[in-house]
Amino acid sequence: MPKHFNTAGPCQSDIHYMLSPTVRLPDLKALIDGRNYFIIHAPRQVGKTTAMIALAQELTDSGQYTAVMLSVEVGAGFSHNPQQAEQVILQEWKQAIKFYLPKELQPSYWPEGETDSGIGKTLSEWSTQSPRPLVIFLDEIDSLTDEALIFILRQLRSGFPRRPQGFPHSVGLIGMRDVRDYKVKSGGSERLNTSSPFNIKAESLTLSNFTLSEVEELYLQHTQATGQVFTPEAIYQSFYLTDGQPWLVNALARQATQVLVKDITQPITAEVINRAKEILIQRQDTHLDSLAERLREDRVKTIIQPMLSGSDLPDTPEDDRRFLLDLGL
């Protein structure tokens, strides 16, 4: 199957055009080598999951680490029942590990019931028996709230001093927010009356939008695969319209190449990119529609309305401004 521009879920390198995760996060390998625990936070649809799945695969293929991307999102419905959240998360992890890792790198121990379960215990047992240092990326960490979130973060903090022989060599928490915001979470209780439960983090990194040169690099992959050219003006127009937002960059290119100009002997011009933009606006894809819905929220309107009207920004809480940055608005 020929490669194409992806707009739905994480990219898969065999069928999608994508940029190298090590290029997008150049400092990450050094953090991992240094046995650090860290945060990666960025708005939705920026490519966090894609980058971390690809990086985990690279690390495992190198022979140096056993690395895997695991999600905690299935526990989101059990914010006040941490034990139940833990059970469904571990069940999800078991399936993900079978999918991502070869059998010789999978753990021989896995909890089968509440009496012998525990995320901390499971990670500890796996680290002890693993033939390589263990690197774990936990996706959608801020989908958890309240007691469930604190329960899991405290287990990570408790095991941290035993790394790498008795606990993962390195752990990355992946989400929309920095760790300082975890205890006040979206949809969750205002405060949990606790200090940060993850004060072991070495760094908080963010995954930025594509630069102009990265947009060019991504589009060049299509040219190399098909011969169809994006003109320099088209590349610049895409960057200008999107500010390099990865989902939008891919969505414009997908419309341009798969809908508007299917003939690969014809170039993609700036005019084609503008037509693709209008299609996206009219179509109201889920990603754009969900952001539009956010504009109705009071704390969003308080900031966005003055920006659109050219007025001075009122005195707004730092948390609200950070919330809009995390959303990508």
C-alpha atoms as a PDB file:
ATOM      1  CA  MET A   1       0.000   0.000   0.000  1.00  0.00           C
ATOM      2  CA  PRO A   2       1.421   3.437  -0.904  1.00  0.00           C
ATOM      3  CA  LYS A   3       2.025   5.864   1.928  1.00  0.00           C
ATOM      4  CA  HIS A   4      -0.340   8.739   2.583  1.00  0.00           C
ATOM      5  CA  PHE A   5      -0.880  11.692   4.919  1.00  0.00           C
ATOM      6  CA  ASN A   6      -2.500  10.599   8.177  1.00  0.00           C
ATOM      7  CA  THR A   7      -5.265  12.467  10.042  1.00  0.00           C
ATOM      8  CA  ALA A   8      -6.689   9.666  12.202  1.00  0.00           C
ATOM      9  CA  GLY A   9      -4.824   8.280  15.203  1.00  0.00           C
ATOM     10  CA  PRO A  10      -1.107   7.581  15.591  1.00  0.00           C
ATOM     11  CA  CYS A  11       1.002   7.334  12.442  1.00  0.00           C
ATOM     12  CA  GLN A  12       2.318   3.961  11.305  1.00  0.00           C
ATOM     13  CA  SER A  13       5.621   4.271   9.501  1.00  0.00           C
ATOM     14  CA  ASP A  14       4.850   1.635   6.862  1.00  0.00           C
ATOM     15  CA  ILE A  15       1.767   3.466   5.523  1.00  0.00           C
ATOM     16  CA  HIS A  16       2.080   7.091   6.668  1.00  0.00           C
ATOM     17  CA  TYR A  17       4.440   9.967   5.970  1.00  0.00           C
ATOM     18  CA  MET A  18       5.970  11.014   9.299  1.00  0.00           C
ATOM     19  CA  LEU A  19       8.953  12.746  10.860  1.00  0.00           C
ATOM     20  CA  SER A  20      11.506  11.018  13.064  1.00  0.00           C
ATOM     21  CA  PRO A  21      10.639  11.213  16.796  1.00  0.00           C
ATOM     22  CA  THR A  22      14.300  11.738  17.664  1.00  0.00           C
ATOM     23  CA  VAL A  23      14.355  14.806  15.423  1.00  0.00           C
ATOM     24  CA  ARG A  24      11.245  16.244  17.068  1.00  0.00           C
ATOM     25  CA  LEU A  25      12.540  15.482  20.590  1.00  0.00           C
ATOM     26  CA  PRO A  26      16.330  15.727  20.245  1.00  0.00           C
ATOM     27  CA  ASP A  27      17.087  15.850  23.992  1.00  0.00           C
ATOM     28  CA  LEU A  28      15.033  12.817  24.940  1.00  0.00           C
ATOM     29  CA  LYS A  29      17.576  10.063  24.304  1.00  0.00           C
ATOM     30  CA  ALA A  30      20.042  11.684  26.718  1.00  0.00           C
ATOM     31  CA  LEU A  31      17.326  11.893  29.394  1.00  0.00           C
ATOM     32  CA  ILE A  32      16.536   8.215  28.946  1.00  0.00           C
ATOM     33  CA  ASP A  33      20.207   7.206  29.024  1.00  0.00           C
ATOM     34  CA  GLY A  34      20.524   9.146  32.288  1.00  0.00           C
ATOM     35  CA  ARG A  35      17.794   7.063  34.004  1.00  0.00           C
ATOM     36  CA  ASN A  36      15.477  10.043  34.241  1.00  0.00           C
ATOM     37  CA  TYR A  37      11.721  10.212  34.738  1.00  0.00           C
ATOM     38  CA  PHE A  38      10.160  13.021  32.709  1.00  0.00           C
ATOM     39  CA  ILE A  39       7.000  14.638  31.313  1.00  0.00           C
ATOM     40  CA  ILE A  40       6.066  15.302  27.696  1.00  0.00           C
ATOM     41  CA  HIS A  41       3.052  17.588  27.364  1.00  0.00           C
ATOM     42  CA  ALA A  42       1.496  19.147  24.280  1.00  0.00           C
ATOM     43  CA  PRO A  43      -1.945  19.874  22.791  1.00  0.00           C
ATOM     44  CA  ARG A  44      -3.961  17.143  21.143  1.00  0.00           C
ATOM     45  CA  GLN A  45      -3.202  16.148  17.559  1.00  0.00           C
ATOM     46  CA  VAL A  46       0.427  17.303  17.739  1.00  0.00           C
ATOM     47  CA  GLY A  47       1.841  13.793  17.381  1.00  0.00           C
ATOM     48  CA  LYS A  48       2.745  12.812  20.953  1.00  0.00           C
ATOM     49  CA  THR A  49       1.492   9.248  20.682  1.00  0.00           C
ATOM     50  CA  THR A  50       2.974   8.771  17.209  1.00  0.00           C
ATOM     51  CA  ALA A  51       6.384  10.044  18.334  1.00  0.00           C
ATOM     52  CA  MET A  52       6.538   7.944  21.487  1.00  0.00           C
ATOM     53  CA  ILE A  53       5.392   4.702  19.848  1.00  0.00           C
ATOM     54  CA  ALA A  54       8.054   5.206  17.180  1.00  0.00           C
ATOM     55  CA  LEU A  55      10.718   6.084  19.748  1.00  0.00           C
ATOM     56  CA  ALA A  56       9.879   3.016  21.838  1.00  0.00           C
ATOM     57  CA  GLN A  57      10.290   0.880  18.727  1.00  0.00           C
ATOM     58  CA  GLU A  58      13.632   2.528  17.922  1.00  0.00           C
ATOM     59  CA  LEU A  59      14.919   1.957  21.457  1.00  0.00           C
ATOM     60  CA  THR A  60      13.855  -1.691  21.441  1.00  0.00           C
ATOM     61  CA  ASP A  61      15.289  -2.309  17.973  1.00  0.00           C
ATOM     62  CA  SER A  62      18.621  -0.858  19.131  1.00  0.00           C
ATOM     63  CA  GLY A  63      19.053  -3.803  21.497  1.00  0.00           C
ATOM     64  CA  GLN A  64      19.897  -1.449  24.369  1.00  0.00           C
ATOM     65  CA  TYR A  65      16.467  -1.213  26.022  1.00  0.00           C
ATOM     66  CA  THR A  66      13.085  -2.865  26.274  1.00  0.00           C
ATOM     67  CA  ALA A  67      10.828   0.109  25.571  1.00  0.00           C
ATOM     68  CA  VAL A  68       7.068   0.252  25.193  1.00  0.00           C
ATOM     69  CA  MET A  69       4.259   2.798  25.029  1.00  0.00           C
ATOM     70  CA  LEU A  70       1.362   1.982  27.381  1.00  0.00           C
ATOM     71  CA  SER A  71      -1.894   3.862  27.926  1.00  0.00           C
ATOM     72  CA  VAL A  72      -3.757   4.531  31.173  1.00  0.00           C
ATOM     73  CA  GLU A  73      -6.855   5.988  29.500  1.00  0.00           C
ATOM     74  CA  VAL A  74      -9.018   2.935  30.232  1.00  0.00           C
ATOM     75  CA  GLY A  75      -8.823   3.849  33.925  1.00  0.00           C
ATOM     76  CA  ALA A  76     -10.414   7.263  33.388  1.00  0.00           C
ATOM     77  CA  GLY A  77     -13.866   6.059  34.424  1.00  0.00           C
ATOM     78  CA  PHE A  78     -12.686   5.036  37.896  1.00  0.00           C
ATOM     79  CA  SER A  79     -11.304   8.288  39.310  1.00  0.00           C
ATOM     80  CA  HIS A  80     -12.576   7.530  42.833  1.00  0.00           C
ATOM     81  CA  ASN A  81     -11.873   3.798  42.717  1.00  0.00           C
ATOM     82  CA  PRO A  82      -8.114   3.527  42.206  1.00  0.00           C
ATOM     83  CA  GLN A  83      -7.983  -0.238  42.679  1.00  0.00           C
ATOM     84  CA  GLN A  84     -10.506  -0.761  39.885  1.00  0.00           C
ATOM     85  CA  ALA A  85      -8.665   1.727  37.679  1.00  0.00           C
ATOM     86  CA  GLU A  86      -5.474  -0.208  38.307  1.00  0.00           C
ATOM     87  CA  GLN A  87      -7.109  -3.504  37.324  1.00  0.00           C
ATOM     88  CA  VAL A  88      -8.400  -2.305  33.942  1.00  0.00           C
ATOM     89  CA  ILE A  89      -5.122  -0.502  33.198  1.00  0.00           C
ATOM     90  CA  LEU A  90      -3.095  -3.656  33.859  1.00  0.00           C
ATOM     91  CA  GLN A  91      -5.402  -5.674  31.604  1.00  0.00           C
ATOM     92  CA  GLU A  92      -4.884  -3.114  28.831  1.00  0.00           C
ATOM     93  CA  TRP A  93      -1.110  -3.144  29.367  1.00  0.00           C
ATOM     94  CA  LYS A  94      -0.968  -6.928  29.074  1.00  0.00           C
ATOM     95  CA  GLN A  95      -2.492  -6.780  25.595  1.00  0.00           C
ATOM     96  CA  ALA A  96      -0.339  -3.830  24.501  1.00  0.00           C
ATOM     97  CA  ILE A  97       2.876  -5.549  25.612  1.00  0.00           C
ATOM     98  CA  LYS A  98       1.947  -8.684  23.653  1.00  0.00           C
ATOM     99  CA  PHE A  99       1.395  -6.537  20.576  1.00  0.00           C
ATOM    100  CA  TYR A 100       4.461  -4.290  20.757  1.00  0.00           C
ATOM    101  CA  LEU A 101       7.201  -6.528  22.167  1.00  0.00           C
ATOM    102  CA  PRO A 102       8.712  -9.822  20.995  1.00  0.00           C
ATOM    103  CA  LYS A 103       7.994 -12.767  23.277  1.00  0.00           C
ATOM    104  CA  GLU A 104      11.499 -12.893  24.729  1.00  0.00           C
ATOM    105  CA  LEU A 105      11.110  -9.323  26.045  1.00  0.00           C
ATOM    106  CA  GLN A 106       7.626  -9.778  27.500  1.00  0.00           C
ATOM    107  CA  PRO A 107       7.339 -10.243  31.289  1.00  0.00           C
ATOM    108  CA  SER A 108       6.822 -13.779  32.557  1.00  0.00           C
ATOM    109  CA  TYR A 109       5.028 -12.386  35.626  1.00  0.00           C
ATOM    110  CA  TRP A 110       1.672 -10.670  35.268  1.00  0.00           C
ATOM    111  CA  PRO A 111      -1.006 -10.210  37.957  1.00  0.00           C
ATOM    112  CA  GLU A 112      -4.175 -12.211  37.371  1.00  0.00           C
ATOM    113  CA  GLY A 113      -6.369 -10.860  40.171  1.00  0.00           C
ATOM    114  CA  GLU A 114      -6.800  -8.156  42.782  1.00  0.00           C
ATOM    115  CA  THR A 115      -4.878 -10.070  45.439  1.00  0.00           C
ATOM    116  CA  ASP A 116      -1.586 -10.083  43.543  1.00  0.00           C
ATOM    117  CA  SER A 117      -1.988  -6.942  41.471  1.00  0.00           C
ATOM    118  CA  GLY A 118      -0.439  -3.526  41.571  1.00  0.00           C
ATOM    119  CA  ILE A 119       1.155  -1.352  38.949  1.00  0.00           C
ATOM    120  CA  GLY A 120       4.182  -0.751  41.156  1.00  0.00           C
ATOM    121  CA  LYS A 121       4.641  -4.456  41.887  1.00  0.00           C
ATOM    122  CA  THR A 122       4.163  -5.395  38.240  1.00  0.00           C
ATOM    123  CA  LEU A 123       6.757  -2.891  37.021  1.00  0.00           C
ATOM    124  CA  SER A 124       9.140  -3.974  39.771  1.00  0.00           C
ATOM    125  CA  GLU A 125       8.856  -7.681  38.903  1.00  0.00           C
ATOM    126  CA  TRP A 126       9.241  -6.985  35.193  1.00  0.00           C
ATOM    127  CA  SER A 127      12.311  -4.782  35.735  1.00  0.00           C
ATOM    128  CA  THR A 128      13.954  -7.449  37.885  1.00  0.00           C
ATOM    129  CA  GLN A 129      13.535 -10.206  35.299  1.00  0.00           C
ATOM    130  CA  SER A 130      14.036  -8.123  32.143  1.00  0.00           C
ATOM    131  CA  PRO A 131      17.228  -8.896  30.175  1.00  0.00           C
ATOM    132  CA  ARG A 132      17.473  -5.192  29.288  1.00  0.00           C
ATOM    133  CA  PRO A 133      16.753  -1.942  31.156  1.00  0.00           C
ATOM    134  CA  LEU A 134      13.043  -1.133  30.965  1.00  0.00           C
ATOM    135  CA  VAL A 135      11.769   2.144  29.452  1.00  0.00           C
ATOM    136  CA  ILE A 136       8.051   2.875  29.848  1.00  0.00           C
ATOM    137  CA  PHE A 137       6.041   5.679  28.236  1.00  0.00           C
ATOM    138  CA  LEU A 138       2.621   6.199  29.865  1.00  0.00           C
ATOM    139  CA  ASP A 139       0.212   7.839  27.436  1.00  0.00           C
ATOM    140  CA  GLU A 140      -2.926   9.842  28.318  1.00  0.00           C
ATOM    141  CA  ILE A 141      -1.745  10.209  31.911  1.00  0.00           C
ATOM    142  CA  ASP A 142      -3.929  13.260  32.527  1.00  0.00           C
ATOM    143  CA  SER A 143      -7.051  11.389  31.464  1.00  0.00           C
ATOM    144  CA  LEU A 144      -6.858  10.084  35.045  1.00  0.00           C
ATOM    145  CA  THR A 145      -8.101  12.324  37.847  1.00  0.00           C
ATOM    146  CA  ASP A 146      -8.385  12.450  41.605  1.00  0.00           C
ATOM    147  CA  GLU A 147      -7.507   9.383  43.689  1.00  0.00           C
ATOM    148  CA  ALA A 148      -6.757   7.126  40.718  1.00  0.00           C
ATOM    149  CA  LEU A 149      -4.129   9.525  39.375  1.00  0.00           C
ATOM    150  CA  ILE A 150      -2.473  10.093  42.748  1.00  0.00           C
ATOM    151  CA  PHE A 151      -2.508   6.359  43.498  1.00  0.00           C
ATOM    152  CA  ILE A 152      -0.547   5.546  40.341  1.00  0.00           C
ATOM    153  CA  LEU A 153       1.876   8.473  40.510  1.00  0.00           C
ATOM    154  CA  ARG A 154       2.766   7.610  44.096  1.00  0.00           C
ATOM    155  CA  GLN A 155       3.634   4.057  43.083  1.00  0.00           C
ATOM    156  CA  LEU A 156       5.981   5.420  40.430  1.00  0.00           C
ATOM    157  CA  ARG A 157       7.573   7.741  42.955  1.00  0.00           C
ATOM    158  CA  SER A 158       7.930   4.932  45.478  1.00  0.00           C
ATOM    159  CA  GLY A 159       9.723   2.652  43.010  1.00  0.00           C
ATOM    160  CA  PHE A 160      11.962   5.372  41.557  1.00  0.00           C
ATOM    161  CA  PRO A 161      14.964   4.812  43.917  1.00  0.00           C
ATOM    162  CA  ARG A 162      15.133   1.117  42.908  1.00  0.00           C
ATOM    163  CA  ARG A 163      15.724   1.810  39.206  1.00  0.00           C
ATOM    164  CA  PRO A 164      17.077   0.304  36.997  1.00  0.00           C
ATOM    165  CA  GLN A 165      17.392  -3.213  38.464  1.00  0.00           C
ATOM    166  CA  GLY A 166      14.202  -3.112  40.551  1.00  0.00           C
ATOM    167  CA  PHE A 167      12.076  -0.569  38.691  1.00  0.00           C
ATOM    168  CA  PRO A 168      11.978   0.912  35.163  1.00  0.00           C
ATOM    169  CA  HIS A 169      15.222   2.548  34.051  1.00  0.00           C
ATOM    170  CA  SER A 170      13.243   5.526  32.692  1.00  0.00           C
ATOM    171  CA  VAL A 171       9.564   6.539  32.655  1.00  0.00           C
ATOM    172  CA  GLY A 172       7.894   9.236  30.579  1.00  0.00           C
ATOM    173  CA  LEU A 173       4.419  10.582  31.331  1.00  0.00           C
ATOM    174  CA  ILE A 174       2.655  11.747  28.167  1.00  0.00           C
ATOM    175  CA  GLY A 175      -0.326  14.095  28.221  1.00  0.00           C
ATOM    176  CA  MET A 176      -1.725  17.546  27.567  1.00  0.00           C
ATOM    177  CA  ARG A 177      -0.564  19.123  30.821  1.00  0.00           C
ATOM    178  CA  ASP A 178       2.585  19.524  32.835  1.00  0.00           C
ATOM    179  CA  VAL A 179       2.783  17.626  36.102  1.00  0.00           C
ATOM    180  CA  ARG A 180       2.179  20.766  38.151  1.00  0.00           C
ATOM    181  CA  ASP A 181      -1.419  20.722  36.883  1.00  0.00           C
ATOM    182  CA  TYR A 182      -2.155  17.059  37.542  1.00  0.00           C
ATOM    183  CA  LYS A 183      -3.717  17.543  40.937  1.00  0.00           C
ATOM    184  CA  VAL A 184      -6.237  20.056  39.620  1.00  0.00           C
ATOM    185  CA  LYS A 185      -7.568  18.194  36.712  1.00  0.00           C
ATOM    186  CA  SER A 186      -9.908  18.727  33.879  1.00  0.00           C
ATOM    187  CA  GLY A 187     -13.216  17.478  35.074  1.00  0.00           C
ATOM    188  CA  GLY A 188     -11.747  16.415  38.407  1.00  0.00           C
ATOM    189  CA  SER A 189     -11.814  17.846  41.889  1.00  0.00           C
ATOM    190  CA  GLU A 190     -10.366  21.320  42.288  1.00  0.00           C
ATOM    191  CA  ARG A 191      -7.640  20.139  44.661  1.00  0.00           C
ATOM    192  CA  LEU A 192      -6.517  16.904  46.209  1.00  0.00           C
ATOM    193  CA  ASN A 193      -4.829  18.640  49.142  1.00  0.00           C
ATOM    194  CA  THR A 194      -1.462  17.148  48.305  1.00  0.00           C
ATOM    195  CA  SER A 195       1.848  18.351  47.000  1.00  0.00           C
ATOM    196  CA  SER A 196       2.935  17.179  43.574  1.00  0.00           C
ATOM    197  CA  PRO A 197       2.943  13.365  43.599  1.00  0.00           C
ATOM    198  CA  PHE A 198       5.578  13.236  40.848  1.00  0.00           C
ATOM    199  CA  ASN A 199       8.374  15.443  42.167  1.00  0.00           C
ATOM    200  CA  ILE A 200      10.946  12.985  40.814  1.00  0.00           C
ATOM    201  CA  LYS A 201      10.672  14.323  37.256  1.00  0.00           C
ATOM    202  CA  ALA A 202      13.895  15.614  35.756  1.00  0.00           C
ATOM    203  CA  GLU A 203      12.383  17.590  32.878  1.00  0.00           C
ATOM    204  CA  SER A 204       9.090  18.704  31.389  1.00  0.00           C
ATOM    205  CA  LEU A 205       9.342  18.746  27.613  1.00  0.00           C
ATOM    206  CA  THR A 206       6.820  19.877  25.043  1.00  0.00           C
ATOM    207  CA  LEU A 207       6.314  18.704  21.490  1.00  0.00           C
ATOM    208  CA  SER A 208       6.172  21.795  19.313  1.00  0.00           C
ATOM    209  CA  ASN A 209       4.433  22.420  16.014  1.00  0.00           C
ATOM    210  CA  PHE A 210       6.364  21.671  12.839  1.00  0.00           C
ATOM    211  CA  THR A 211       8.805  24.297  11.634  1.00  0.00           C
ATOM    212  CA  LEU A 212       8.679  25.433   8.006  1.00  0.00           C
ATOM    213  CA  SER A 213      11.601  23.131   7.182  1.00  0.00           C
ATOM    214  CA  GLU A 214       9.816  20.195   8.853  1.00  0.00           C
ATOM    215  CA  VAL A 215       6.665  20.837   6.796  1.00  0.00           C
ATOM    216  CA  GLU A 216       8.894  20.833   3.722  1.00  0.00           C
ATOM    217  CA  GLU A 217      10.563  17.586   4.850  1.00  0.00           C
ATOM    218  CA  LEU A 218       7.182  15.900   5.391  1.00  0.00           C
ATOM    219  CA  TYR A 219       5.803  16.978   2.028  1.00  0.00           C
ATOM    220  CA  LEU A 220       9.043  15.974   0.312  1.00  0.00           C
ATOM    221  CA  GLN A 221       8.399  12.383   1.394  1.00  0.00           C
ATOM    222  CA  HIS A 222       5.294  12.418  -0.816  1.00  0.00           C
ATOM    223  CA  THR A 223       7.265  13.858  -3.719  1.00  0.00           C
ATOM    224  CA  GLN A 224       9.945  11.191  -3.351  1.00  0.00           C
ATOM    225  CA  ALA A 225       7.322   8.428  -3.193  1.00  0.00           C
ATOM    226  CA  THR A 226       5.087   9.584  -6.057  1.00  0.00           C
ATOM    227  CA  GLY A 227       6.901  12.269  -8.022  1.00  0.00           C
ATOM    228  CA  GLN A 228       4.137  14.778  -7.283  1.00  0.00           C
ATOM    229  CA  VAL A 229       5.652  18.129  -6.330  1.00  0.00           C
ATOM    230  CA  PHE A 230       4.542  20.627  -3.690  1.00  0.00           C
ATOM    231  CA  THR A 231       5.618  24.038  -4.963  1.00  0.00           C
ATOM    232  CA  PRO A 232       7.631  26.211  -2.533  1.00  0.00           C
ATOM    233  CA  GLU A 233       4.644  28.588  -2.402  1.00  0.00           C
ATOM    234  CA  ALA A 234       2.325  25.706  -1.462  1.00  0.00           C
ATOM    235  CA  ILE A 235       4.626  24.597   1.350  1.00  0.00           C
ATOM    236  CA  TYR A 236       4.858  28.121   2.706  1.00  0.00           C
ATOM    237  CA  GLN A 237       1.079  28.627   2.427  1.00  0.00           C
ATOM    238  CA  SER A 238       0.430  25.437   4.366  1.00  0.00           C
ATOM    239  CA  PHE A 239       2.808  26.569   7.093  1.00  0.00           C
ATOM    240  CA  TYR A 240       1.276  30.063   7.132  1.00  0.00           C
ATOM    241  CA  LEU A 241      -2.286  28.738   7.460  1.00  0.00           C
ATOM    242  CA  THR A 242      -1.481  26.135  10.121  1.00  0.00           C
ATOM    243  CA  ASP A 243       1.480  27.571  12.036  1.00  0.00           C
ATOM    244  CA  GLY A 244       2.880  24.068  11.606  1.00  0.00           C
ATOM    245  CA  GLN A 245       0.139  22.348  13.640  1.00  0.00           C
ATOM    246  CA  PRO A 246       0.776  18.703  12.642  1.00  0.00           C
ATOM    247  CA  TRP A 247      -2.826  17.555  12.203  1.00  0.00           C
ATOM    248  CA  LEU A 248      -3.640  20.574  10.038  1.00  0.00           C
ATOM    249  CA  VAL A 249      -0.438  20.193   8.000  1.00  0.00           C
ATOM    250  CA  ASN A 250      -1.386  16.588   7.247  1.00  0.00           C
ATOM    251  CA  ALA A 251      -5.069  17.377   6.680  1.00  0.00           C
ATOM    252  CA  LEU A 252      -4.310  20.040   4.071  1.00  0.00           C
ATOM    253  CA  ALA A 253      -1.904  17.728   2.259  1.00  0.00           C
ATOM    254  CA  ARG A 254      -4.353  14.835   2.389  1.00  0.00           C
ATOM    255  CA  GLN A 255      -7.104  16.942   0.791  1.00  0.00           C
ATOM    256  CA  ALA A 256      -4.696  18.301  -1.788  1.00  0.00           C
ATOM    257  CA  THR A 257      -3.270  14.943  -2.876  1.00  0.00           C
ATOM    258  CA  GLN A 258      -6.212  12.567  -2.439  1.00  0.00           C
ATOM    259  CA  VAL A 259      -9.166  14.792  -3.375  1.00  0.00           C
ATOM    260  CA  LEU A 260      -8.190  17.903  -5.297  1.00  0.00           C
ATOM    261  CA  VAL A 261      -5.203  16.809  -7.406  1.00  0.00           C
ATOM    262  CA  LYS A 262      -5.193  13.028  -7.801  1.00  0.00           C
ATOM    263  CA  ASP A 263      -3.071  13.255 -10.954  1.00  0.00           C
ATOM    264  CA  ILE A 264       0.471  12.929  -9.600  1.00  0.00           C
ATOM    265  CA  THR A 265       1.894  14.578 -12.711  1.00  0.00           C
ATOM    266  CA  GLN A 266       0.255  17.831 -11.603  1.00  0.00           C
ATOM    267  CA  PRO A 267       1.886  19.913  -8.839  1.00  0.00           C
ATOM    268  CA  ILE A 268       0.289  20.970  -5.571  1.00  0.00           C
ATOM    269  CA  THR A 269       0.173  24.770  -5.670  1.00  0.00           C
ATOM    270  CA  ALA A 270      -0.666  27.436  -3.101  1.00  0.00           C
ATOM    271  CA  GLU A 271      -4.080  27.799  -4.735  1.00  0.00           C
ATOM    272  CA  VAL A 272      -4.742  24.085  -4.149  1.00  0.00           C
ATOM    273  CA  ILE A 273      -3.754  24.458  -0.488  1.00  0.00           C
ATOM    274  CA  ASN A 274      -6.217  27.347  -0.133  1.00  0.00           C
ATOM    275  CA  ARG A 275      -8.994  25.227  -1.619  1.00  0.00           C
ATOM    276  CA  ALA A 276      -8.100  22.428   0.793  1.00  0.00           C
ATOM    277  CA  LYS A 277      -8.376  24.902   3.672  1.00  0.00           C
ATOM    278  CA  GLU A 278     -11.919  25.850   2.641  1.00  0.00           C
ATOM    279  CA  ILE A 279     -12.925  22.186   2.461  1.00  0.00           C
ATOM    280  CA  LEU A 280     -11.667  21.576   6.008  1.00  0.00           C
ATOM    281  CA  ILE A 281     -13.529  24.605   7.335  1.00  0.00           C
ATOM    282  CA  GLN A 282     -16.779  23.592   5.669  1.00  0.00           C
ATOM    283  CA  ARG A 283     -16.449  19.934   6.626  1.00  0.00           C
ATOM    284  CA  GLN A 284     -16.019  20.639  10.355  1.00  0.00           C
ATOM    285  CA  ASP A 285     -13.950  17.570  11.173  1.00  0.00           C
ATOM    286  CA  THR A 286     -14.204  16.261  14.725  1.00  0.00           C
ATOM    287  CA  HIS A 287     -10.902  17.804  15.797  1.00  0.00           C
ATOM    288  CA  LEU A 288     -11.881  21.287  14.607  1.00  0.00           C
ATOM    289  CA  ASP A 289     -15.461  20.934  15.824  1.00  0.00           C
ATOM    290  CA  SER A 290     -14.328  19.993  19.334  1.00  0.00           C
ATOM    291  CA  LEU A 291     -12.112  23.084  19.481  1.00  0.00           C
ATOM    292  CA  ALA A 292     -14.989  25.252  18.254  1.00  0.00           C
ATOM    293  CA  GLU A 293     -17.150  23.906  21.079  1.00  0.00           C
ATOM    294  CA  ARG A 294     -14.500  24.995  23.576  1.00  0.00           C
ATOM    295  CA  LEU A 295     -14.993  28.601  22.461  1.00  0.00           C
ATOM    296  CA  ARG A 296     -18.327  28.589  24.316  1.00  0.00           C
ATOM    297  CA  GLU A 297     -16.654  28.055  27.689  1.00  0.00           C
ATOM    298  CA  ASP A 298     -16.403  31.177  29.837  1.00  0.00           C
ATOM    299  CA  ARG A 299     -12.711  30.841  30.674  1.00  0.00           C
ATOM    300  CA  VAL A 300     -11.942  30.377  26.975  1.00  0.00           C
ATOM    301  CA  LYS A 301     -14.114  33.291  25.817  1.00  0.00           C
ATOM    302  CA  THR A 302     -12.536  35.599  28.389  1.00  0.00           C
ATOM    303  CA  ILE A 303      -9.187  35.202  26.635  1.00  0.00           C
ATOM    304  CA  ILE A 304     -10.111  34.558  22.993  1.00  0.00           C
ATOM    305  CA  GLN A 305     -12.667  37.380  22.559  1.00  0.00           C
ATOM    306  CA  PRO A 306     -10.232  40.223  23.362  1.00  0.00           C
ATOM    307  CA  MET A 307      -7.631  38.636  21.084  1.00  0.00           C
ATOM    308  CA  LEU A 308     -10.074  38.523  18.163  1.00  0.00           C
ATOM    309  CA  SER A 309     -11.245  42.093  18.736  1.00  0.00           C
ATOM    310  CA  GLY A 310      -7.733  43.469  19.198  1.00  0.00           C
ATOM    311  CA  SER A 311      -8.402  44.537  22.788  1.00  0.00           C
ATOM    312  CA  ASP A 312      -6.056  44.251  25.752  1.00  0.00           C
ATOM    313  CA  LEU A 313      -6.193  40.940  27.556  1.00  0.00           C
ATOM    314  CA  PRO A 314      -7.934  41.292  30.939  1.00  0.00           C
ATOM    315  CA  ASP A 315      -6.398  40.058  34.166  1.00  0.00           C
ATOM    316  CA  THR A 316      -6.867  36.312  33.685  1.00  0.00           C
ATOM    317  CA  PRO A 317      -5.593  33.413  35.793  1.00  0.00           C
ATOM    318  CA  GLU A 318      -2.359  31.821  34.630  1.00  0.00           C
ATOM    319  CA  ASP A 319      -4.090  28.423  34.764  1.00  0.00           C
ATOM    320  CA  ASP A 320      -6.658  29.597  32.200  1.00  0.00           C
ATOM    321  CA  ARG A 321      -4.006  30.846  29.791  1.00  0.00           C
ATOM    322  CA  ARG A 322      -2.088  27.602  30.189  1.00  0.00           C
ATOM    323  CA  PHE A 323      -5.321  25.665  29.593  1.00  0.00           C
ATOM    324  CA  LEU A 324      -5.761  27.339  26.199  1.00  0.00           C
ATOM    325  CA  LEU A 325      -2.155  26.621  25.290  1.00  0.00           C
ATOM    326  CA  ASP A 326      -2.654  22.973  26.232  1.00  0.00           C
ATOM    327  CA  LEU A 327      -5.757  22.805  24.029  1.00  0.00           C
ATOM    328  CA  GLY A 328      -3.867  24.290  21.114  1.00  0.00           C
ATOM    329  CA  LEU A 329      -6.160  27.315  20.919  1.00  0.00           C
END
